Amino acid sequence: IQYALLKYKGMPGRYEFIDQGQNFKVMVDYAPEPESMTQLYQTLNLFNFNKIIHVLGSAGGGRDVSRRPVLGKLAGLNADYVIVTNEDPYDDDPQIIIDQVALGAEHNDKTLNQDLFKILDRRQAIKKALNLAQENDLVLITGKGCEQAICIDHNKKIPWDDREVVKELLK
């Protein structure tokens, strides 16, 4: 068991760190529910990051709308910067989803365009987070984990992988 644990590299998209030699950490985690995000933040509290910059997926369309502001609230309480972006809107309007998530963060003293950002384009949201990051900060990207597509209207899928996008942007 000890040997196996030493070889274990973790599950893709769960507490997965992306290291391209930067002086800050980047973690991708699925964390789609309030409970999983709460557990994630409890674990992150064990580390001594200067700041946490959270790129928050927006509780995909066609799902439990009531969790949207709850996820925003959790990010607002625990992160220094919150960037709410598109995730899997399906047939819902992605901007409405983003606004609902951001409302939860605003109710926890986050101020739009200061420490709270609403960026529809997920690549641009991740880029913003990486640009804000400084030494010993954590860029936390949640909502998609290792999923390979963004699901949009009419059952269309756009190829996507948060981990690969982070690697491209860090280069």
N, C-alpha and C. Protein backbone atom coordinates (compact mmCIF):
# COMPACT_ATOMS: atom_id res chain seq x y z
N ILE A 1 0.84 -1.20 0.00
CA ILE A 1 0.00 0.00 0.00
C ILE A 1 0.88 1.25 0.00
N GLN A 2 1.92 1.25 0.83
CA GLN A 2 2.82 2.40 0.88
C GLN A 2 3.45 2.67 -0.49
N TYR A 3 3.92 1.63 -1.15
CA TYR A 3 4.52 1.77 -2.47
C TYR A 3 3.51 2.35 -3.46
N ALA A 4 2.29 1.84 -3.43
CA ALA A 4 1.25 2.33 -4.34
C ALA A 4 0.94 3.80 -4.08
N LEU A 5 0.86 4.19 -2.83
CA LEU A 5 0.58 5.58 -2.50
C LEU A 5 1.70 6.51 -2.95
N LEU A 6 2.92 6.05 -2.85
CA LEU A 6 4.05 6.87 -3.29
C LEU A 6 4.01 7.10 -4.81
N LYS A 7 3.48 6.15 -5.55
CA LYS A 7 3.39 6.24 -7.01
C LYS A 7 2.13 6.98 -7.48
N TYR A 8 1.14 7.10 -6.60
CA TYR A 8 -0.15 7.68 -6.98
C TYR A 8 -0.01 9.17 -7.29
N LYS A 9 -0.46 9.57 -8.45
CA LYS A 9 -0.33 10.96 -8.88
C LYS A 9 -1.62 11.76 -8.70
N GLY A 10 -2.62 11.14 -8.13
CA GLY A 10 -3.87 11.85 -7.90
C GLY A 10 -4.86 11.63 -9.04
N MET A 11 -6.07 12.14 -8.83
CA MET A 11 -7.11 12.05 -9.85
C MET A 11 -7.09 13.30 -10.72
N PRO A 12 -7.16 13.15 -12.02
CA PRO A 12 -7.21 14.32 -12.88
C PRO A 12 -8.38 15.24 -12.51
N GLY A 13 -8.09 16.52 -12.41
CA GLY A 13 -9.13 17.50 -12.15
C GLY A 13 -9.61 17.58 -10.71
N ARG A 14 -8.93 16.89 -9.80
CA ARG A 14 -9.26 16.95 -8.37
C ARG A 14 -8.00 17.36 -7.62
N TYR A 15 -8.02 18.52 -7.03
CA TYR A 15 -6.84 19.05 -6.32
C TYR A 15 -5.60 18.95 -7.21
N GLU A 16 -5.76 19.20 -8.49
CA GLU A 16 -4.66 19.03 -9.43
C GLU A 16 -3.90 20.35 -9.61
N PHE A 17 -2.62 20.30 -9.25
CA PHE A 17 -1.76 21.47 -9.40
C PHE A 17 -1.16 21.48 -10.80
N ILE A 18 -1.08 22.66 -11.40
CA ILE A 18 -0.45 22.85 -12.70
C ILE A 18 0.81 23.67 -12.46
N ASP A 19 1.95 23.08 -12.77
CA ASP A 19 3.23 23.74 -12.51
C ASP A 19 3.99 23.90 -13.82
N GLN A 20 4.16 25.15 -14.20
CA GLN A 20 4.95 25.48 -15.39
C GLN A 20 6.14 26.36 -14.99
N GLY A 21 6.55 26.24 -13.72
CA GLY A 21 7.69 27.00 -13.23
C GLY A 21 7.33 28.38 -12.70
N GLN A 22 6.05 28.69 -12.60
CA GLN A 22 5.62 30.00 -12.09
C GLN A 22 5.86 30.07 -10.57
N ASN A 23 5.92 31.30 -10.02
CA ASN A 23 6.19 31.46 -8.60
C ASN A 23 4.91 31.50 -7.75
N PHE A 24 3.83 31.05 -8.31
CA PHE A 24 2.56 30.91 -7.59
C PHE A 24 1.98 29.56 -7.97
N LYS A 25 0.96 29.13 -7.25
CA LYS A 25 0.35 27.83 -7.51
C LYS A 25 -0.93 28.01 -8.32
N VAL A 26 -1.22 27.01 -9.14
CA VAL A 26 -2.49 26.95 -9.86
C VAL A 26 -3.09 25.58 -9.57
N MET A 27 -4.33 25.57 -9.12
CA MET A 27 -5.02 24.31 -8.84
C MET A 27 -6.32 24.27 -9.62
N VAL A 28 -6.57 23.12 -10.25
CA VAL A 28 -7.83 22.87 -10.94
C VAL A 28 -8.57 21.83 -10.12
N ASP A 29 -9.83 22.12 -9.81
CA ASP A 29 -10.65 21.16 -9.08
C ASP A 29 -12.08 21.27 -9.56
N TYR A 30 -12.75 20.15 -9.58
CA TYR A 30 -14.14 20.09 -10.07
C TYR A 30 -15.06 20.90 -9.16
N ALA A 31 -15.17 20.55 -7.89
CA ALA A 31 -15.94 21.27 -6.86
C ALA A 31 -17.20 21.97 -7.38
N PRO A 32 -18.21 21.23 -7.85
CA PRO A 32 -19.39 21.86 -8.42
C PRO A 32 -20.49 22.18 -7.42
N GLU A 33 -20.40 21.66 -6.22
CA GLU A 33 -21.46 21.79 -5.22
C GLU A 33 -20.97 22.59 -4.02
N PRO A 34 -21.87 23.23 -3.29
CA PRO A 34 -21.45 23.97 -2.10
C PRO A 34 -20.65 23.11 -1.11
N GLU A 35 -21.05 21.87 -0.89
CA GLU A 35 -20.33 21.03 0.07
C GLU A 35 -18.91 20.73 -0.40
N SER A 36 -18.75 20.41 -1.68
CA SER A 36 -17.40 20.12 -2.18
C SER A 36 -16.53 21.37 -2.15
N MET A 37 -17.11 22.53 -2.42
CA MET A 37 -16.33 23.76 -2.36
C MET A 37 -15.95 24.10 -0.92
N THR A 38 -16.86 23.85 0.02
CA THR A 38 -16.55 24.07 1.43
C THR A 38 -15.38 23.20 1.86
N GLN A 39 -15.42 21.92 1.48
CA GLN A 39 -14.33 20.99 1.82
C GLN A 39 -13.02 21.43 1.16
N LEU A 40 -13.10 21.90 -0.05
CA LEU A 40 -11.91 22.36 -0.76
C LEU A 40 -11.28 23.53 -0.01
N TYR A 41 -12.08 24.51 0.36
CA TYR A 41 -11.55 25.66 1.10
C TYR A 41 -11.00 25.27 2.45
N GLN A 42 -11.61 24.31 3.13
CA GLN A 42 -11.08 23.85 4.41
C GLN A 42 -9.69 23.25 4.23
N THR A 43 -9.51 22.52 3.15
CA THR A 43 -8.19 21.96 2.86
C THR A 43 -7.20 23.06 2.52
N LEU A 44 -7.61 24.03 1.73
CA LEU A 44 -6.71 25.12 1.34
C LEU A 44 -6.28 25.96 2.53
N ASN A 45 -7.10 26.00 3.57
CA ASN A 45 -6.73 26.74 4.78
C ASN A 45 -5.51 26.15 5.47
N LEU A 46 -5.16 24.92 5.14
CA LEU A 46 -3.97 24.29 5.72
C LEU A 46 -2.69 24.84 5.11
N PHE A 47 -2.81 25.48 3.95
CA PHE A 47 -1.65 26.07 3.27
C PHE A 47 -1.53 27.53 3.67
N ASN A 48 -0.38 28.11 3.38
CA ASN A 48 -0.17 29.53 3.70
C ASN A 48 -0.03 30.35 2.43
N PHE A 49 -1.09 30.41 1.64
CA PHE A 49 -1.06 31.22 0.44
C PHE A 49 -1.22 32.69 0.82
N ASN A 50 -0.55 33.57 0.09
CA ASN A 50 -0.74 35.00 0.34
C ASN A 50 -2.17 35.40 0.00
N LYS A 51 -2.57 35.07 -1.24
CA LYS A 51 -3.92 35.38 -1.71
C LYS A 51 -4.47 34.19 -2.47
N ILE A 52 -5.79 34.10 -2.47
CA ILE A 52 -6.47 33.10 -3.29
C ILE A 52 -7.27 33.85 -4.34
N ILE A 53 -7.04 33.50 -5.59
CA ILE A 53 -7.75 34.08 -6.72
C ILE A 53 -8.59 32.95 -7.31
N HIS A 54 -9.90 33.05 -7.17
CA HIS A 54 -10.78 31.95 -7.53
C HIS A 54 -11.52 32.23 -8.84
N VAL A 55 -11.26 31.41 -9.84
CA VAL A 55 -12.02 31.43 -11.09
C VAL A 55 -13.14 30.42 -10.88
N LEU A 56 -14.33 30.94 -10.79
CA LEU A 56 -15.47 30.15 -10.36
C LEU A 56 -16.37 29.82 -11.54
N GLY A 57 -16.49 28.54 -11.80
CA GLY A 57 -17.47 28.09 -12.79
C GLY A 57 -18.86 28.43 -12.30
N SER A 58 -19.75 28.59 -13.21
CA SER A 58 -21.02 29.22 -12.87
C SER A 58 -22.20 28.29 -12.72
N ALA A 59 -22.02 27.15 -12.08
CA ALA A 59 -23.15 26.24 -11.81
C ALA A 59 -24.02 26.08 -13.06
N GLY A 60 -23.56 25.27 -13.97
CA GLY A 60 -24.14 25.10 -15.30
C GLY A 60 -25.64 25.22 -15.44
N GLY A 61 -26.05 25.53 -16.64
CA GLY A 61 -27.46 25.72 -16.96
C GLY A 61 -28.29 24.46 -16.76
N GLY A 62 -29.59 24.66 -16.58
CA GLY A 62 -30.50 23.54 -16.43
C GLY A 62 -30.38 22.82 -15.10
N ARG A 63 -29.64 23.39 -14.18
CA ARG A 63 -29.41 22.74 -12.89
C ARG A 63 -29.98 23.58 -11.76
N ASP A 64 -29.70 23.16 -10.57
CA ASP A 64 -30.20 23.81 -9.36
C ASP A 64 -29.77 25.28 -9.30
N VAL A 65 -30.69 26.16 -9.62
CA VAL A 65 -30.40 27.60 -9.65
C VAL A 65 -30.10 28.15 -8.26
N SER A 66 -30.64 27.53 -7.23
CA SER A 66 -30.47 28.05 -5.88
C SER A 66 -29.02 27.97 -5.40
N ARG A 67 -28.22 27.08 -5.98
CA ARG A 67 -26.84 26.97 -5.52
C ARG A 67 -25.93 28.05 -6.11
N ARG A 68 -26.40 28.73 -7.15
CA ARG A 68 -25.55 29.74 -7.80
C ARG A 68 -25.08 30.82 -6.83
N PRO A 69 -25.97 31.52 -6.14
CA PRO A 69 -25.48 32.54 -5.20
C PRO A 69 -24.73 31.93 -4.01
N VAL A 70 -25.04 30.68 -3.67
CA VAL A 70 -24.33 30.01 -2.57
C VAL A 70 -22.87 29.78 -2.95
N LEU A 71 -22.62 29.33 -4.18
CA LEU A 71 -21.25 29.15 -4.64
C LEU A 71 -20.52 30.50 -4.67
N GLY A 72 -21.20 31.54 -5.12
CA GLY A 72 -20.61 32.87 -5.12
C GLY A 72 -20.30 33.35 -3.71
N LYS A 73 -21.20 33.06 -2.79
CA LYS A 73 -20.99 33.44 -1.38
C LYS A 73 -19.76 32.75 -0.81
N LEU A 74 -19.63 31.45 -1.06
CA LEU A 74 -18.48 30.71 -0.56
C LEU A 74 -17.17 31.27 -1.12
N ALA A 75 -17.16 31.57 -2.40
CA ALA A 75 -15.96 32.16 -3.01
C ALA A 75 -15.71 33.54 -2.42
N GLY A 76 -16.77 34.32 -2.23
CA GLY A 76 -16.63 35.66 -1.66
C GLY A 76 -16.08 35.64 -0.24
N LEU A 77 -16.47 34.66 0.52
CA LEU A 77 -16.00 34.53 1.90
C LEU A 77 -14.55 34.06 1.99
N ASN A 78 -14.12 33.24 1.05
CA ASN A 78 -12.85 32.55 1.19
C ASN A 78 -11.73 33.02 0.27
N ALA A 79 -12.07 33.66 -0.83
CA ALA A 79 -11.05 34.09 -1.79
C ALA A 79 -10.83 35.59 -1.69
N ASP A 80 -9.63 36.00 -2.04
CA ASP A 80 -9.31 37.43 -2.06
C ASP A 80 -9.85 38.09 -3.33
N TYR A 81 -9.80 37.34 -4.42
CA TYR A 81 -10.37 37.78 -5.69
C TYR A 81 -11.30 36.69 -6.20
N VAL A 82 -12.42 37.09 -6.76
CA VAL A 82 -13.38 36.15 -7.33
C VAL A 82 -13.61 36.55 -8.78
N ILE A 83 -13.44 35.59 -9.67
CA ILE A 83 -13.68 35.82 -11.09
C ILE A 83 -14.74 34.81 -11.52
N VAL A 84 -15.92 35.31 -11.81
CA VAL A 84 -17.03 34.44 -12.20
C VAL A 84 -17.08 34.38 -13.72
N THR A 85 -17.17 33.16 -14.23
CA THR A 85 -17.09 32.98 -15.68
C THR A 85 -18.05 31.89 -16.15
N ASN A 86 -18.03 31.67 -17.44
CA ASN A 86 -18.87 30.66 -18.07
C ASN A 86 -18.38 29.26 -17.73
N GLU A 87 -19.31 28.34 -17.63
CA GLU A 87 -18.96 26.95 -17.35
C GLU A 87 -19.64 26.04 -18.37
N ASP A 88 -20.85 25.64 -18.10
CA ASP A 88 -21.66 24.81 -19.01
C ASP A 88 -23.07 25.38 -19.02
N PRO A 89 -23.33 26.41 -19.81
CA PRO A 89 -24.64 27.04 -19.73
C PRO A 89 -25.78 26.24 -20.35
N TYR A 90 -25.45 25.26 -21.17
CA TYR A 90 -26.48 24.52 -21.91
C TYR A 90 -27.40 25.53 -22.59
N ASP A 91 -28.70 25.48 -22.36
CA ASP A 91 -29.62 26.40 -23.05
C ASP A 91 -29.93 27.65 -22.24
N ASP A 92 -29.31 27.81 -21.07
CA ASP A 92 -29.51 29.01 -20.26
C ASP A 92 -28.61 30.13 -20.77
N ASP A 93 -28.98 31.37 -20.46
CA ASP A 93 -28.15 32.51 -20.81
C ASP A 93 -26.96 32.54 -19.85
N PRO A 94 -25.73 32.38 -20.36
CA PRO A 94 -24.58 32.32 -19.46
C PRO A 94 -24.37 33.59 -18.65
N GLN A 95 -24.73 34.74 -19.19
CA GLN A 95 -24.54 35.99 -18.45
C GLN A 95 -25.46 36.04 -17.23
N ILE A 96 -26.67 35.53 -17.36
CA ILE A 96 -27.59 35.49 -16.23
C ILE A 96 -27.04 34.58 -15.14
N ILE A 97 -26.48 33.44 -15.53
CA ILE A 97 -25.89 32.53 -14.55
C ILE A 97 -24.74 33.23 -13.82
N ILE A 98 -23.88 33.87 -14.58
CA ILE A 98 -22.73 34.59 -14.01
C ILE A 98 -23.21 35.66 -13.03
N ASP A 99 -24.23 36.42 -13.42
CA ASP A 99 -24.76 37.47 -12.54
C ASP A 99 -25.30 36.88 -11.24
N GLN A 100 -25.96 35.73 -11.32
CA GLN A 100 -26.51 35.10 -10.12
C GLN A 100 -25.41 34.62 -9.19
N VAL A 101 -24.34 34.07 -9.73
CA VAL A 101 -23.21 33.63 -8.90
C VAL A 101 -22.52 34.84 -8.28
N ALA A 102 -22.28 35.86 -9.09
CA ALA A 102 -21.59 37.06 -8.61
C ALA A 102 -22.36 37.75 -7.49
N LEU A 103 -23.68 37.68 -7.54
CA LEU A 103 -24.51 38.28 -6.50
C LEU A 103 -24.15 37.72 -5.12
N GLY A 104 -23.91 36.43 -5.04
CA GLY A 104 -23.50 35.82 -3.77
C GLY A 104 -22.19 36.38 -3.27
N ALA A 105 -21.24 36.63 -4.17
CA ALA A 105 -19.95 37.21 -3.77
C ALA A 105 -20.11 38.67 -3.37
N GLU A 106 -20.97 39.40 -4.08
CA GLU A 106 -21.21 40.81 -3.74
C GLU A 106 -21.80 40.95 -2.34
N HIS A 107 -22.60 39.98 -1.93
CA HIS A 107 -23.19 40.01 -0.59
C HIS A 107 -22.17 39.69 0.48
N ASN A 108 -20.96 39.38 0.08
CA ASN A 108 -19.87 39.12 1.02
C ASN A 108 -18.72 40.09 0.80
N ASP A 109 -19.09 41.34 0.60
CA ASP A 109 -18.15 42.46 0.53
C ASP A 109 -17.18 42.43 -0.64
N LYS A 110 -17.52 41.75 -1.70
CA LYS A 110 -16.72 41.83 -2.91
C LYS A 110 -17.30 42.95 -3.77
N THR A 111 -16.40 43.71 -4.39
CA THR A 111 -16.80 44.86 -5.19
C THR A 111 -16.46 44.62 -6.65
N LEU A 112 -17.46 44.78 -7.49
CA LEU A 112 -17.30 44.54 -8.91
C LEU A 112 -16.17 45.39 -9.48
N ASN A 113 -15.32 44.76 -10.27
CA ASN A 113 -14.16 45.36 -10.94
C ASN A 113 -13.06 45.80 -9.99
N GLN A 114 -13.13 45.36 -8.74
CA GLN A 114 -12.03 45.57 -7.80
C GLN A 114 -11.49 44.23 -7.32
N ASP A 115 -12.35 43.47 -6.65
CA ASP A 115 -11.95 42.12 -6.22
C ASP A 115 -12.98 41.08 -6.67
N LEU A 116 -13.89 41.52 -7.53
CA LEU A 116 -14.89 40.65 -8.15
C LEU A 116 -14.98 41.01 -9.63
N PHE A 117 -14.85 40.00 -10.47
CA PHE A 117 -14.90 40.23 -11.91
C PHE A 117 -15.87 39.24 -12.54
N LYS A 118 -16.63 39.71 -13.52
CA LYS A 118 -17.52 38.86 -14.29
C LYS A 118 -17.00 38.86 -15.72
N ILE A 119 -16.46 37.71 -16.14
CA ILE A 119 -15.85 37.61 -17.46
C ILE A 119 -16.45 36.40 -18.17
N LEU A 120 -17.23 36.66 -19.19
CA LEU A 120 -17.95 35.61 -19.90
C LEU A 120 -17.01 34.57 -20.53
N ASP A 121 -15.96 35.02 -21.19
CA ASP A 121 -15.03 34.13 -21.87
C ASP A 121 -14.13 33.44 -20.83
N ARG A 122 -14.24 32.13 -20.70
CA ARG A 122 -13.52 31.39 -19.66
C ARG A 122 -12.00 31.53 -19.82
N ARG A 123 -11.50 31.52 -21.04
CA ARG A 123 -10.06 31.70 -21.27
C ARG A 123 -9.61 33.05 -20.74
N GLN A 124 -10.39 34.09 -21.02
CA GLN A 124 -10.02 35.43 -20.55
C GLN A 124 -10.11 35.52 -19.03
N ALA A 125 -11.05 34.81 -18.44
CA ALA A 125 -11.17 34.79 -16.97
C ALA A 125 -9.94 34.15 -16.34
N ILE A 126 -9.50 33.04 -16.91
CA ILE A 126 -8.30 32.37 -16.40
C ILE A 126 -7.08 33.27 -16.60
N LYS A 127 -7.01 33.91 -17.75
CA LYS A 127 -5.90 34.82 -18.03
C LYS A 127 -5.86 35.96 -17.00
N LYS A 128 -7.01 36.51 -16.68
CA LYS A 128 -7.10 37.57 -15.68
C LYS A 128 -6.55 37.08 -14.35
N ALA A 129 -6.96 35.89 -13.94
CA ALA A 129 -6.50 35.32 -12.67
C ALA A 129 -4.99 35.15 -12.67
N LEU A 130 -4.45 34.61 -13.74
CA LEU A 130 -3.01 34.41 -13.82
C LEU A 130 -2.26 35.73 -13.79
N ASN A 131 -2.83 36.77 -14.40
CA ASN A 131 -2.20 38.09 -14.39
C ASN A 131 -2.26 38.74 -13.01
N LEU A 132 -3.27 38.42 -12.22
CA LEU A 132 -3.38 38.96 -10.86
C LEU A 132 -2.42 38.27 -9.89
N ALA A 133 -2.06 37.03 -10.19
CA ALA A 133 -1.28 36.21 -9.27
C ALA A 133 0.14 36.74 -9.08
N GLN A 134 0.56 36.70 -7.81
CA GLN A 134 1.92 37.06 -7.45
C GLN A 134 2.53 35.91 -6.65
N GLU A 135 3.77 36.08 -6.26
CA GLU A 135 4.47 35.02 -5.55
C GLU A 135 3.68 34.51 -4.35
N ASN A 136 3.61 33.19 -4.24
CA ASN A 136 2.94 32.46 -3.16
C ASN A 136 1.42 32.65 -3.13
N ASP A 137 0.83 33.09 -4.22
CA ASP A 137 -0.63 33.13 -4.34
C ASP A 137 -1.11 31.80 -4.89
N LEU A 138 -2.42 31.58 -4.82
CA LEU A 138 -3.05 30.42 -5.43
C LEU A 138 -4.11 30.88 -6.40
N VAL A 139 -4.02 30.41 -7.64
CA VAL A 139 -5.10 30.57 -8.60
C VAL A 139 -5.89 29.27 -8.55
N LEU A 140 -7.12 29.36 -8.11
CA LEU A 140 -8.00 28.21 -7.97
C LEU A 140 -9.04 28.27 -9.09
N ILE A 141 -9.14 27.20 -9.86
CA ILE A 141 -10.07 27.16 -10.99
C ILE A 141 -11.02 25.99 -10.75
N THR A 142 -12.30 26.30 -10.52
CA THR A 142 -13.25 25.24 -10.20
C THR A 142 -14.41 25.20 -11.20
N GLY A 143 -15.11 24.07 -11.16
CA GLY A 143 -16.33 23.93 -11.94
C GLY A 143 -16.24 22.93 -13.07
N LYS A 144 -15.04 22.73 -13.62
CA LYS A 144 -14.90 21.82 -14.76
C LYS A 144 -13.96 20.65 -14.47
N GLY A 145 -12.98 20.84 -13.62
CA GLY A 145 -12.03 19.76 -13.35
C GLY A 145 -11.34 19.33 -14.62
N CYS A 146 -11.45 18.04 -14.95
CA CYS A 146 -10.79 17.53 -16.16
C CYS A 146 -11.78 17.33 -17.30
N GLU A 147 -12.97 17.92 -17.20
CA GLU A 147 -13.94 17.78 -18.29
C GLU A 147 -13.33 18.28 -19.59
N GLN A 148 -13.77 17.71 -20.67
CA GLN A 148 -13.15 17.96 -21.97
C GLN A 148 -13.99 18.83 -22.90
N ALA A 149 -15.04 19.45 -22.40
CA ALA A 149 -15.88 20.29 -23.26
C ALA A 149 -16.69 21.26 -22.41
N ILE A 150 -17.07 22.37 -23.04
CA ILE A 150 -18.06 23.29 -22.47
C ILE A 150 -19.35 23.01 -23.23
N CYS A 151 -20.41 22.71 -22.50
CA CYS A 151 -21.69 22.38 -23.10
C CYS A 151 -22.51 23.65 -23.28
N ILE A 152 -22.89 23.92 -24.53
CA ILE A 152 -23.66 25.12 -24.83
C ILE A 152 -25.03 24.72 -25.40
N ASP A 153 -25.74 25.71 -25.93
CA ASP A 153 -27.11 25.48 -26.40
C ASP A 153 -27.19 24.46 -27.52
N HIS A 154 -28.37 23.88 -27.62
CA HIS A 154 -28.69 22.88 -28.65
C HIS A 154 -27.75 21.66 -28.60
N ASN A 155 -27.36 21.28 -27.39
CA ASN A 155 -26.50 20.10 -27.16
C ASN A 155 -25.16 20.17 -27.88
N LYS A 156 -24.67 21.37 -28.17
CA LYS A 156 -23.36 21.52 -28.78
C LYS A 156 -22.29 21.51 -27.68
N LYS A 157 -21.11 21.07 -28.07
CA LYS A 157 -19.98 21.04 -27.14
C LYS A 157 -18.78 21.72 -27.78
N ILE A 158 -18.15 22.56 -27.00
CA ILE A 158 -16.92 23.22 -27.43
C ILE A 158 -15.76 22.50 -26.74
N PRO A 159 -14.79 21.98 -27.48
CA PRO A 159 -13.65 21.32 -26.83
C PRO A 159 -12.98 22.26 -25.82
N TRP A 160 -12.69 21.71 -24.62
CA TRP A 160 -12.15 22.55 -23.55
C TRP A 160 -11.48 21.69 -22.50
N ASP A 161 -10.39 22.17 -21.95
CA ASP A 161 -9.72 21.54 -20.81
C ASP A 161 -9.03 22.64 -20.02
N ASP A 162 -9.54 22.95 -18.83
CA ASP A 162 -8.95 24.01 -18.00
C ASP A 162 -7.45 23.83 -17.83
N ARG A 163 -7.03 22.59 -17.64
CA ARG A 163 -5.62 22.31 -17.38
C ARG A 163 -4.74 22.68 -18.57
N GLU A 164 -5.22 22.35 -19.77
CA GLU A 164 -4.45 22.67 -20.98
C GLU A 164 -4.45 24.17 -21.24
N VAL A 165 -5.58 24.82 -20.99
CA VAL A 165 -5.66 26.28 -21.17
C VAL A 165 -4.68 26.97 -20.23
N VAL A 166 -4.61 26.53 -18.98
CA VAL A 166 -3.67 27.12 -18.03
C VAL A 166 -2.24 26.95 -18.53
N LYS A 167 -1.90 25.76 -18.99
CA LYS A 167 -0.54 25.51 -19.49
C LYS A 167 -0.22 26.42 -20.66
N GLU A 168 -1.17 26.56 -21.60
CA GLU A 168 -0.95 27.44 -22.77
C GLU A 168 -0.73 28.88 -22.33
N LEU A 169 -1.57 29.35 -21.40
CA LEU A 169 -1.47 30.75 -20.97
C LEU A 169 -0.19 31.01 -20.17
N LEU A 170 0.27 30.04 -19.42
CA LEU A 170 1.48 30.23 -18.64
C LEU A 170 2.73 30.25 -19.52
N LYS A 171 2.64 29.62 -20.70
CA LYS A 171 3.78 29.66 -21.64
C LYS A 171 3.89 31.04 -22.21
